[in-house]
N, C-alpha and C. Protein backbone atom coordinates (compact mmCIF):
# COMPACT_ATOMS: atom_id res chain seq x y z
N MET A 1 160.90 141.50 238.28
CA MET A 1 159.50 141.15 238.03
C MET A 1 159.08 141.62 236.64
N LYS A 2 158.25 140.87 235.99
CA LYS A 2 157.83 141.20 234.64
C LYS A 2 156.88 142.40 234.65
N ASN A 3 157.09 143.30 233.68
CA ASN A 3 156.21 144.45 233.55
C ASN A 3 154.78 144.02 233.23
N ALA A 4 153.83 144.90 233.56
CA ALA A 4 152.44 144.66 233.17
C ALA A 4 152.34 144.63 231.65
N LYS A 5 151.34 143.93 231.14
CA LYS A 5 151.11 143.89 229.69
C LYS A 5 150.88 145.31 229.18
N VAL A 6 151.50 145.64 228.07
CA VAL A 6 151.35 146.98 227.48
C VAL A 6 150.61 146.87 226.15
N LEU A 7 149.57 147.69 226.01
CA LEU A 7 148.83 147.79 224.75
C LEU A 7 149.16 149.14 224.12
N HIS A 8 149.64 149.13 222.90
CA HIS A 8 149.91 150.37 222.17
C HIS A 8 148.66 150.72 221.35
N ILE A 9 148.08 151.88 221.64
CA ILE A 9 146.88 152.31 220.92
C ILE A 9 147.17 153.66 220.27
N ASN A 10 146.91 153.73 218.98
CA ASN A 10 147.12 154.96 218.22
C ASN A 10 145.94 155.89 218.43
N PRO A 11 146.13 157.03 219.12
CA PRO A 11 145.00 157.92 219.39
C PRO A 11 144.41 158.55 218.14
N GLY A 12 145.19 158.54 217.05
CA GLY A 12 144.69 159.12 215.80
C GLY A 12 143.96 158.11 214.93
N ASN A 13 143.82 156.88 215.43
CA ASN A 13 143.22 155.82 214.62
C ASN A 13 142.33 154.93 215.49
N ILE A 14 141.54 155.57 216.35
CA ILE A 14 140.74 154.86 217.35
C ILE A 14 139.79 153.83 216.72
N GLU A 15 139.22 154.18 215.57
CA GLU A 15 138.21 153.29 214.96
C GLU A 15 138.78 151.93 214.59
N ASN A 16 140.10 151.85 214.46
CA ASN A 16 140.73 150.56 214.13
C ASN A 16 141.36 149.87 215.34
N GLU A 17 141.06 150.37 216.52
CA GLU A 17 141.66 149.83 217.74
C GLU A 17 140.63 149.14 218.64
N ASN A 18 139.49 148.76 218.05
CA ASN A 18 138.40 148.21 218.86
C ASN A 18 138.78 146.94 219.62
N GLU A 19 139.57 146.08 218.99
CA GLU A 19 139.95 144.83 219.64
C GLU A 19 140.72 145.11 220.93
N LYS A 20 141.66 146.04 220.86
CA LYS A 20 142.45 146.39 222.04
C LYS A 20 141.59 147.08 223.09
N LEU A 21 140.72 147.99 222.64
CA LEU A 21 139.85 148.70 223.58
C LEU A 21 138.89 147.73 224.27
N ASN A 22 138.38 146.75 223.53
CA ASN A 22 137.49 145.75 224.13
C ASN A 22 138.21 144.90 225.17
N LEU A 23 139.47 144.59 224.91
CA LEU A 23 140.27 143.85 225.88
C LEU A 23 140.42 144.65 227.17
N ALA A 24 140.76 145.93 227.04
CA ALA A 24 140.94 146.78 228.22
C ALA A 24 139.62 146.97 228.97
N ALA A 25 138.54 147.20 228.24
CA ALA A 25 137.23 147.37 228.88
C ALA A 25 136.80 146.10 229.60
N GLY A 26 137.13 144.95 229.02
CA GLY A 26 136.82 143.67 229.66
C GLY A 26 137.53 143.53 231.00
N LEU A 27 138.78 143.95 231.06
CA LEU A 27 139.52 143.90 232.33
C LEU A 27 138.87 144.81 233.36
N LEU A 28 138.43 145.99 232.93
CA LEU A 28 137.75 146.90 233.86
C LEU A 28 136.45 146.28 234.37
N ARG A 29 135.71 145.63 233.48
CA ARG A 29 134.46 144.97 233.92
C ARG A 29 134.73 143.87 234.92
N GLU A 30 135.91 143.25 234.83
CA GLU A 30 136.29 142.19 235.78
C GLU A 30 136.83 142.75 237.09
N GLY A 31 136.95 144.08 237.17
CA GLY A 31 137.44 144.69 238.41
C GLY A 31 138.94 144.88 238.46
N LYS A 32 139.62 144.62 237.34
CA LYS A 32 141.08 144.73 237.31
C LYS A 32 141.53 146.20 237.30
N ILE A 33 142.79 146.41 237.71
CA ILE A 33 143.39 147.74 237.72
C ILE A 33 144.22 147.92 236.46
N ILE A 34 144.03 149.06 235.79
CA ILE A 34 144.82 149.35 234.60
C ILE A 34 145.39 150.77 234.68
N VAL A 35 146.39 151.03 233.85
CA VAL A 35 146.93 152.38 233.67
C VAL A 35 146.53 152.83 232.28
N TYR A 36 146.05 154.06 232.16
CA TYR A 36 145.49 154.52 230.89
C TYR A 36 145.76 156.01 230.68
N PRO A 37 145.73 156.47 229.42
CA PRO A 37 145.95 157.89 229.15
C PRO A 37 144.69 158.70 229.38
N THR A 38 144.86 159.96 229.74
CA THR A 38 143.75 160.92 229.77
C THR A 38 144.21 162.15 228.99
N ASP A 39 143.44 163.21 229.06
CA ASP A 39 143.86 164.46 228.42
C ASP A 39 144.97 165.15 229.21
N THR A 40 145.03 164.87 230.53
CA THR A 40 145.98 165.57 231.40
C THR A 40 147.26 164.77 231.61
N VAL A 41 147.17 163.69 232.38
CA VAL A 41 148.31 162.80 232.63
C VAL A 41 147.81 161.35 232.61
N TYR A 42 148.72 160.40 232.66
CA TYR A 42 148.30 158.99 232.72
C TYR A 42 147.64 158.71 234.07
N GLY A 43 146.55 157.97 234.01
CA GLY A 43 145.80 157.64 235.21
C GLY A 43 145.91 156.17 235.55
N ILE A 44 145.63 155.88 236.81
CA ILE A 44 145.55 154.49 237.26
C ILE A 44 144.18 154.32 237.88
N GLY A 45 143.53 153.21 237.57
CA GLY A 45 142.20 153.04 238.13
C GLY A 45 141.58 151.69 237.83
N CYS A 46 140.36 151.56 238.31
CA CYS A 46 139.55 150.36 238.11
C CYS A 46 138.10 150.82 238.13
N SER A 47 137.20 149.92 237.85
CA SER A 47 135.78 150.23 237.94
C SER A 47 135.42 150.69 239.35
N ILE A 48 134.45 151.58 239.45
CA ILE A 48 134.00 152.02 240.78
C ILE A 48 133.36 150.88 241.57
N TYR A 49 133.03 149.78 240.89
CA TYR A 49 132.43 148.63 241.56
C TYR A 49 133.45 147.54 241.90
N SER A 50 134.71 147.80 241.60
CA SER A 50 135.76 146.80 241.82
C SER A 50 136.06 146.61 243.31
N LYS A 51 136.48 145.39 243.66
CA LYS A 51 136.92 145.10 245.03
C LYS A 51 138.39 145.46 245.21
N ASN A 52 139.02 145.98 244.16
CA ASN A 52 140.45 146.27 244.20
C ASN A 52 140.78 147.74 244.45
N ILE A 53 139.77 148.54 244.79
CA ILE A 53 140.01 149.98 244.97
C ILE A 53 141.11 150.25 246.00
N ASN A 54 141.10 149.52 247.10
CA ASN A 54 142.11 149.74 248.14
C ASN A 54 143.53 149.45 247.65
N LYS A 55 143.66 148.59 246.64
CA LYS A 55 145.00 148.28 246.12
C LYS A 55 145.62 149.49 245.41
N ILE A 56 144.77 150.41 244.94
CA ILE A 56 145.31 151.62 244.30
C ILE A 56 146.11 152.44 245.30
N PHE A 57 145.62 152.52 246.53
CA PHE A 57 146.38 153.24 247.57
C PHE A 57 147.72 152.55 247.82
N GLU A 58 147.71 151.23 247.82
CA GLU A 58 148.96 150.47 248.03
C GLU A 58 149.94 150.71 246.88
N ILE A 59 149.44 150.68 245.66
CA ILE A 59 150.30 150.88 244.49
C ILE A 59 150.96 152.25 244.54
N LYS A 60 150.17 153.27 244.90
CA LYS A 60 150.68 154.64 244.91
C LYS A 60 151.42 154.98 246.21
N LYS A 61 151.37 154.06 247.19
CA LYS A 61 151.96 154.30 248.51
C LYS A 61 151.41 155.59 249.11
N ARG A 62 150.11 155.69 249.07
CA ARG A 62 149.45 156.91 249.50
C ARG A 62 148.45 156.59 250.60
N THR A 63 148.29 157.53 251.52
CA THR A 63 147.29 157.36 252.57
C THR A 63 145.90 157.42 251.94
N LYS A 64 144.93 156.89 252.64
CA LYS A 64 143.58 156.85 252.10
C LYS A 64 142.96 158.25 252.13
N LYS A 65 142.76 158.78 250.96
CA LYS A 65 142.05 160.05 250.82
C LYS A 65 141.24 159.98 249.54
N PRO A 66 140.31 160.92 249.32
CA PRO A 66 139.37 160.78 248.21
C PRO A 66 140.01 160.55 246.85
N LEU A 67 139.37 159.68 246.08
CA LEU A 67 139.77 159.40 244.70
C LEU A 67 138.75 160.02 243.75
N SER A 68 139.21 160.53 242.62
CA SER A 68 138.29 161.06 241.62
C SER A 68 137.77 159.92 240.74
N VAL A 69 136.69 160.22 240.03
CA VAL A 69 136.08 159.23 239.14
C VAL A 69 135.91 159.86 237.76
N ALA A 70 136.25 159.10 236.72
CA ALA A 70 136.09 159.56 235.33
C ALA A 70 134.80 159.00 234.74
N PHE A 71 134.10 159.85 234.00
CA PHE A 71 132.85 159.49 233.35
C PHE A 71 132.98 159.75 231.85
N SER A 72 132.14 159.08 231.06
CA SER A 72 132.22 159.23 229.61
C SER A 72 131.56 160.50 229.11
N GLY A 73 130.67 161.07 229.90
CA GLY A 73 129.96 162.28 229.49
C GLY A 73 129.06 162.78 230.59
N ILE A 74 128.41 163.90 230.34
CA ILE A 74 127.61 164.54 231.38
C ILE A 74 126.36 163.72 231.73
N GLU A 75 125.80 163.01 230.75
CA GLU A 75 124.60 162.21 231.04
C GLU A 75 124.94 161.06 231.99
N MET A 76 126.07 160.41 231.80
CA MET A 76 126.49 159.37 232.73
C MET A 76 126.75 159.98 234.11
N LEU A 77 127.42 161.13 234.13
CA LEU A 77 127.74 161.79 235.39
C LEU A 77 126.49 162.07 236.22
N LYS A 78 125.42 162.50 235.56
CA LYS A 78 124.17 162.83 236.26
C LYS A 78 123.61 161.65 237.06
N GLY A 79 123.95 160.45 236.67
CA GLY A 79 123.47 159.28 237.39
C GLY A 79 124.16 159.04 238.72
N TYR A 80 125.24 159.78 238.97
CA TYR A 80 126.05 159.52 240.16
C TYR A 80 126.24 160.73 241.07
N VAL A 81 125.80 161.91 240.63
CA VAL A 81 125.97 163.12 241.44
C VAL A 81 124.67 163.92 241.46
N VAL A 82 124.57 164.79 242.46
CA VAL A 82 123.46 165.75 242.54
C VAL A 82 123.92 166.99 241.77
N MET A 83 123.16 167.38 240.75
CA MET A 83 123.59 168.48 239.89
C MET A 83 122.42 169.42 239.60
N ASP A 84 122.58 170.71 239.93
CA ASP A 84 121.52 171.67 239.60
C ASP A 84 121.84 172.34 238.26
N ALA A 85 120.94 173.21 237.81
CA ALA A 85 121.07 173.82 236.48
C ALA A 85 122.32 174.68 236.37
N ARG A 86 122.68 175.37 237.44
CA ARG A 86 123.85 176.24 237.42
C ARG A 86 125.14 175.42 237.29
N GLN A 87 125.19 174.33 238.03
CA GLN A 87 126.36 173.44 237.95
C GLN A 87 126.46 172.80 236.56
N GLU A 88 125.32 172.35 236.05
CA GLU A 88 125.32 171.71 234.73
C GLU A 88 125.79 172.68 233.65
N LYS A 89 125.34 173.93 233.73
CA LYS A 89 125.75 174.95 232.76
C LYS A 89 127.26 175.15 232.80
N PHE A 90 127.82 175.24 234.01
CA PHE A 90 129.27 175.45 234.16
C PHE A 90 130.04 174.27 233.57
N ILE A 91 129.58 173.06 233.87
CA ILE A 91 130.27 171.87 233.37
C ILE A 91 130.22 171.83 231.84
N LYS A 92 129.05 172.08 231.26
CA LYS A 92 128.91 172.06 229.80
C LYS A 92 129.81 173.10 229.14
N GLU A 93 129.92 174.27 229.78
CA GLU A 93 130.75 175.35 229.21
C GLU A 93 132.24 175.04 229.31
N ASN A 94 132.61 174.12 230.21
CA ASN A 94 134.02 173.84 230.46
C ASN A 94 134.41 172.39 230.19
N LEU A 95 133.60 171.70 229.40
CA LEU A 95 133.83 170.27 229.15
C LEU A 95 135.18 169.98 228.52
N LEU A 96 135.66 170.86 227.67
CA LEU A 96 136.91 170.60 226.96
C LEU A 96 138.13 171.07 227.75
N LYS A 97 137.90 171.63 228.92
CA LYS A 97 139.01 172.08 229.75
C LYS A 97 139.43 170.95 230.70
N PRO A 98 140.69 170.93 231.11
CA PRO A 98 141.18 169.84 231.98
C PRO A 98 140.77 170.03 233.43
N TYR A 99 139.45 169.94 233.69
CA TYR A 99 138.91 170.21 235.01
C TYR A 99 138.46 168.93 235.72
N THR A 100 138.60 168.96 237.04
CA THR A 100 137.91 168.01 237.92
C THR A 100 136.84 168.80 238.64
N PHE A 101 135.60 168.36 238.55
CA PHE A 101 134.47 169.06 239.16
C PHE A 101 134.11 168.39 240.48
N ILE A 102 134.07 169.17 241.56
CA ILE A 102 133.65 168.64 242.85
C ILE A 102 132.14 168.85 242.99
N LEU A 103 131.42 167.75 243.19
CA LEU A 103 129.96 167.76 243.29
C LEU A 103 129.53 166.85 244.43
N LYS A 104 128.28 167.02 244.87
CA LYS A 104 127.74 166.14 245.91
C LYS A 104 127.38 164.80 245.26
N LYS A 105 127.85 163.73 245.86
CA LYS A 105 127.63 162.42 245.26
C LYS A 105 126.27 161.85 245.64
N LYS A 106 125.80 160.91 244.82
CA LYS A 106 124.63 160.12 245.17
C LYS A 106 125.08 158.87 245.92
N ASP A 107 124.12 158.13 246.45
CA ASP A 107 124.45 156.97 247.29
C ASP A 107 125.06 155.81 246.51
N ASN A 108 124.99 155.85 245.17
CA ASN A 108 125.56 154.74 244.39
C ASN A 108 127.07 154.87 244.18
N ILE A 109 127.69 155.90 244.77
CA ILE A 109 129.15 156.00 244.81
C ILE A 109 129.59 155.66 246.23
N SER A 110 130.45 154.67 246.36
CA SER A 110 130.87 154.18 247.67
C SER A 110 131.68 155.21 248.45
N ASP A 111 131.48 155.22 249.77
CA ASP A 111 132.30 156.07 250.64
C ASP A 111 133.75 155.63 250.64
N ASP A 112 134.04 154.40 250.20
CA ASP A 112 135.42 153.93 250.08
C ASP A 112 136.18 154.71 249.01
N ILE A 113 135.44 155.38 248.14
CA ILE A 113 136.04 156.20 247.08
C ILE A 113 136.17 157.65 247.52
N THR A 114 135.13 158.17 248.16
CA THR A 114 135.06 159.61 248.44
C THR A 114 135.42 160.00 249.86
N PHE A 115 135.24 159.07 250.81
CA PHE A 115 135.46 159.37 252.24
C PHE A 115 134.65 160.59 252.68
N GLY A 116 133.49 160.77 252.10
CA GLY A 116 132.64 161.90 252.45
C GLY A 116 131.54 162.06 251.42
N GLU A 117 130.86 163.20 251.45
CA GLU A 117 129.70 163.42 250.59
C GLU A 117 130.04 163.98 249.22
N LYS A 118 131.27 164.46 249.03
CA LYS A 118 131.65 165.09 247.77
C LYS A 118 132.47 164.16 246.89
N LEU A 119 132.29 164.31 245.58
CA LEU A 119 133.01 163.49 244.60
C LEU A 119 133.75 164.39 243.63
N GLY A 120 135.00 164.04 243.34
CA GLY A 120 135.74 164.69 242.26
C GLY A 120 135.44 163.96 240.97
N ALA A 121 134.80 164.65 240.03
CA ALA A 121 134.35 164.02 238.78
C ALA A 121 135.09 164.60 237.59
N ARG A 122 135.57 163.71 236.71
CA ARG A 122 136.26 164.12 235.49
C ARG A 122 135.52 163.57 234.27
N ILE A 123 135.49 164.39 233.22
CA ILE A 123 135.05 163.91 231.91
C ILE A 123 136.23 164.20 230.98
N PRO A 124 137.20 163.28 230.93
CA PRO A 124 138.44 163.57 230.20
C PRO A 124 138.20 163.79 228.70
N ASP A 125 138.89 164.76 228.15
CA ASP A 125 138.82 165.01 226.71
C ASP A 125 139.81 164.08 226.01
N ASN A 126 139.49 162.79 226.07
CA ASN A 126 140.35 161.75 225.53
C ASN A 126 139.46 160.59 225.08
N GLU A 127 139.47 160.29 223.79
CA GLU A 127 138.54 159.30 223.25
C GLU A 127 138.83 157.88 223.73
N ILE A 128 140.08 157.58 224.04
CA ILE A 128 140.41 156.23 224.50
C ILE A 128 139.71 155.94 225.83
N VAL A 129 139.92 156.83 226.80
CA VAL A 129 139.33 156.57 228.12
C VAL A 129 137.80 156.68 228.07
N LYS A 130 137.27 157.56 227.23
CA LYS A 130 135.81 157.66 227.11
C LYS A 130 135.21 156.35 226.59
N LYS A 131 135.88 155.75 225.60
CA LYS A 131 135.38 154.47 225.06
C LYS A 131 135.49 153.35 226.09
N LEU A 132 136.56 153.36 226.86
CA LEU A 132 136.71 152.35 227.92
C LEU A 132 135.56 152.44 228.91
N ILE A 133 135.22 153.67 229.30
CA ILE A 133 134.16 153.88 230.29
C ILE A 133 132.80 153.50 229.70
N LYS A 134 132.56 153.91 228.46
CA LYS A 134 131.28 153.57 227.81
C LYS A 134 131.08 152.06 227.74
N ASN A 135 132.18 151.32 227.58
CA ASN A 135 132.11 149.87 227.46
C ASN A 135 132.28 149.13 228.78
N SER A 136 132.35 149.87 229.88
CA SER A 136 132.46 149.22 231.19
C SER A 136 131.64 150.01 232.21
N PHE A 137 132.30 150.75 233.07
CA PHE A 137 131.65 151.52 234.13
C PHE A 137 132.45 152.79 234.35
N PRO A 138 131.92 153.75 235.15
CA PRO A 138 132.78 154.85 235.59
C PRO A 138 134.05 154.29 236.23
N VAL A 139 135.15 155.00 236.05
CA VAL A 139 136.46 154.46 236.43
C VAL A 139 137.17 155.40 237.40
N ILE A 140 137.76 154.81 238.44
CA ILE A 140 138.62 155.57 239.35
C ILE A 140 139.72 156.22 238.52
N THR A 141 140.01 157.49 238.80
CA THR A 141 141.09 158.15 238.08
C THR A 141 141.97 158.93 239.04
N THR A 142 143.20 158.48 239.16
CA THR A 142 144.22 159.17 239.96
C THR A 142 145.53 159.01 239.20
N SER A 143 146.42 159.96 239.35
CA SER A 143 147.64 159.94 238.52
C SER A 143 148.46 158.68 238.76
N ALA A 144 149.04 158.17 237.67
CA ALA A 144 149.78 156.90 237.71
C ALA A 144 151.22 157.14 238.16
N ASN A 145 151.36 157.47 239.43
CA ASN A 145 152.68 157.71 240.00
C ASN A 145 152.67 157.35 241.48
N ILE A 146 153.86 157.16 242.02
CA ILE A 146 153.99 156.99 243.47
C ILE A 146 153.70 158.33 244.12
N SER A 147 152.97 158.34 245.22
CA SER A 147 152.59 159.58 245.89
C SER A 147 153.83 160.44 246.18
N GLY A 148 153.75 161.72 245.80
CA GLY A 148 154.87 162.63 246.02
C GLY A 148 155.78 162.78 244.82
N GLU A 149 155.68 161.84 243.86
CA GLU A 149 156.49 161.93 242.65
C GLU A 149 155.71 162.64 241.55
N CYS A 150 156.41 163.03 240.49
CA CYS A 150 155.77 163.76 239.39
C CYS A 150 154.80 162.86 238.64
N ALA A 151 153.69 163.47 238.20
CA ALA A 151 152.74 162.73 237.37
C ALA A 151 153.36 162.45 236.01
N ALA A 152 152.91 161.36 235.38
CA ALA A 152 153.47 160.94 234.09
C ALA A 152 152.60 161.42 232.94
N ALA A 153 153.21 162.18 232.02
CA ALA A 153 152.48 162.67 230.85
C ALA A 153 152.64 161.75 229.65
N SER A 154 153.47 160.71 229.79
CA SER A 154 153.66 159.73 228.71
C SER A 154 154.00 158.38 229.33
N TYR A 155 153.94 157.33 228.52
CA TYR A 155 154.28 155.99 229.02
C TYR A 155 155.71 155.97 229.55
N ASP A 156 156.61 156.63 228.84
CA ASP A 156 158.03 156.62 229.23
C ASP A 156 158.27 157.25 230.60
N GLU A 157 157.37 158.15 231.01
CA GLU A 157 157.53 158.83 232.30
C GLU A 157 156.94 158.03 233.47
N ILE A 158 156.23 156.96 233.17
CA ILE A 158 155.69 156.12 234.25
C ILE A 158 156.85 155.37 234.90
N SER A 159 156.91 155.39 236.21
CA SER A 159 158.05 154.78 236.91
C SER A 159 158.06 153.26 236.75
N GLU A 160 159.26 152.69 236.83
CA GLU A 160 159.39 151.23 236.74
C GLU A 160 158.64 150.56 237.89
N GLU A 161 158.57 151.22 239.02
CA GLU A 161 157.86 150.65 240.17
C GLU A 161 156.38 150.45 239.87
N ILE A 162 155.80 151.42 239.17
CA ILE A 162 154.40 151.28 238.74
C ILE A 162 154.29 150.20 237.66
N LYS A 163 155.16 150.26 236.66
CA LYS A 163 155.10 149.30 235.55
C LYS A 163 155.27 147.86 236.03
N ASN A 164 156.03 147.67 237.10
CA ASN A 164 156.32 146.32 237.60
C ASN A 164 155.35 145.84 238.67
N ASN A 165 154.39 146.67 239.04
CA ASN A 165 153.50 146.29 240.13
C ASN A 165 152.58 145.13 239.73
N LYS A 166 152.56 144.10 240.53
CA LYS A 166 151.81 142.88 240.21
C LYS A 166 150.30 143.09 240.21
N ASN A 167 149.83 144.17 240.83
CA ASN A 167 148.39 144.43 240.89
C ASN A 167 147.86 145.16 239.66
N ILE A 168 148.75 145.56 238.77
CA ILE A 168 148.33 146.25 237.54
C ILE A 168 148.27 145.23 236.40
N SER A 169 147.09 145.10 235.82
CA SER A 169 146.88 144.09 234.78
C SER A 169 147.27 144.56 233.38
N LEU A 170 147.21 145.87 233.16
CA LEU A 170 147.42 146.38 231.80
C LEU A 170 147.83 147.84 231.85
N ILE A 171 148.72 148.22 230.92
CA ILE A 171 149.05 149.63 230.71
C ILE A 171 148.78 149.95 229.25
N ILE A 172 148.00 151.00 229.02
CA ILE A 172 147.74 151.47 227.66
C ILE A 172 148.72 152.60 227.34
N ASP A 173 149.48 152.41 226.28
CA ASP A 173 150.43 153.43 225.83
C ASP A 173 149.87 154.07 224.56
N SER A 174 149.51 155.36 224.67
CA SER A 174 149.03 156.06 223.47
C SER A 174 149.83 157.35 223.25
N GLY A 175 151.08 157.33 223.71
CA GLY A 175 151.92 158.51 223.51
C GLY A 175 151.74 159.54 224.60
N LYS A 176 151.97 160.78 224.25
CA LYS A 176 151.98 161.87 225.23
C LYS A 176 150.58 162.44 225.42
N CYS A 177 150.22 162.71 226.67
CA CYS A 177 148.95 163.37 226.98
C CYS A 177 149.03 164.83 226.54
N LYS A 178 147.95 165.36 225.98
CA LYS A 178 148.03 166.68 225.35
C LYS A 178 148.23 167.82 226.35
N VAL A 179 147.68 167.70 227.55
CA VAL A 179 147.84 168.78 228.54
C VAL A 179 149.17 168.62 229.28
N GLY A 180 149.44 167.41 229.75
CA GLY A 180 150.74 167.12 230.34
C GLY A 180 150.92 167.53 231.78
N LYS A 181 149.84 167.91 232.44
CA LYS A 181 149.91 168.23 233.88
C LYS A 181 148.56 167.93 234.51
N PRO A 182 148.51 167.76 235.85
CA PRO A 182 147.25 167.40 236.50
C PRO A 182 146.14 168.42 236.27
N SER A 183 144.91 167.95 236.46
CA SER A 183 143.73 168.78 236.20
C SER A 183 143.58 169.92 237.20
N VAL A 184 142.81 170.91 236.79
CA VAL A 184 142.39 172.00 237.68
C VAL A 184 141.16 171.50 238.44
N VAL A 185 141.16 171.66 239.76
CA VAL A 185 140.05 171.19 240.58
C VAL A 185 139.15 172.36 240.94
N VAL A 186 137.86 172.24 240.58
CA VAL A 186 136.89 173.32 240.83
C VAL A 186 135.76 172.77 241.69
N ASP A 187 135.55 173.39 242.85
CA ASP A 187 134.48 172.97 243.76
C ASP A 187 133.19 173.68 243.37
N LEU A 188 132.19 172.90 242.97
CA LEU A 188 130.91 173.45 242.53
C LEU A 188 129.82 173.31 243.59
N THR A 189 130.20 172.95 244.81
CA THR A 189 129.18 172.64 245.82
C THR A 189 128.73 173.87 246.62
N GLY A 190 129.48 174.94 246.56
CA GLY A 190 129.12 176.13 247.33
C GLY A 190 128.33 177.14 246.51
N GLU A 191 127.94 178.23 247.19
CA GLU A 191 127.23 179.30 246.49
C GLU A 191 128.11 179.91 245.41
N ARG A 192 129.41 180.02 245.74
CA ARG A 192 130.39 180.50 244.76
C ARG A 192 131.31 179.34 244.39
N PHE A 193 131.52 179.13 243.10
CA PHE A 193 132.42 178.07 242.66
C PHE A 193 133.86 178.49 242.96
N ARG A 194 134.67 177.54 243.45
CA ARG A 194 136.04 177.86 243.88
C ARG A 194 137.05 176.93 243.24
N VAL A 195 138.17 177.49 242.81
CA VAL A 195 139.28 176.68 242.31
C VAL A 195 140.10 176.22 243.51
N LEU A 196 140.20 174.90 243.71
CA LEU A 196 140.96 174.34 244.83
C LEU A 196 142.39 174.00 244.42
N ARG A 197 142.56 173.68 243.14
CA ARG A 197 143.90 173.41 242.61
C ARG A 197 143.94 173.90 241.18
N GLY A 198 144.90 174.77 240.89
CA GLY A 198 144.92 175.36 239.56
C GLY A 198 146.28 175.30 238.92
């Protein structure tokens, strides 16, 4: 089977990559599934409004459990979660760290994504994915690997099974992710903030 279309984007020259970024953002607006770089590992996702969310579970061969969502910044995030001053302060202080923040979601995030009241929210320190989100919608973000296999920190580490999947419309190759391992998950919903995965 033919591999998904691959777009090579130079992370050090983003201002000259608008045509490619607009193409990728357009696919997200259409509800398509793409693979993209983040600060941690390569992610797979689609718009939170897409009808293809369930296909992500099929691609990853994973049981249905909560998916995280990537946002372009804290102001966008506030539109989708309940956030008090203490939580906002913690997020602002840790924006450049590879964290997933667990927060109480608002009703405009589907239960098909969260399977409950809490949402895992990421603001990746990666200009490519931030621009994609700014030009489309918040995006599902889960590691681009088959469940149980190692996460991919570069395009070369993405499995052929993922690259060949017919449900993936595009893969963005921008080299190696700077962190190279999955995010730290911090639950901000309790009286005391807790690290769930570190």
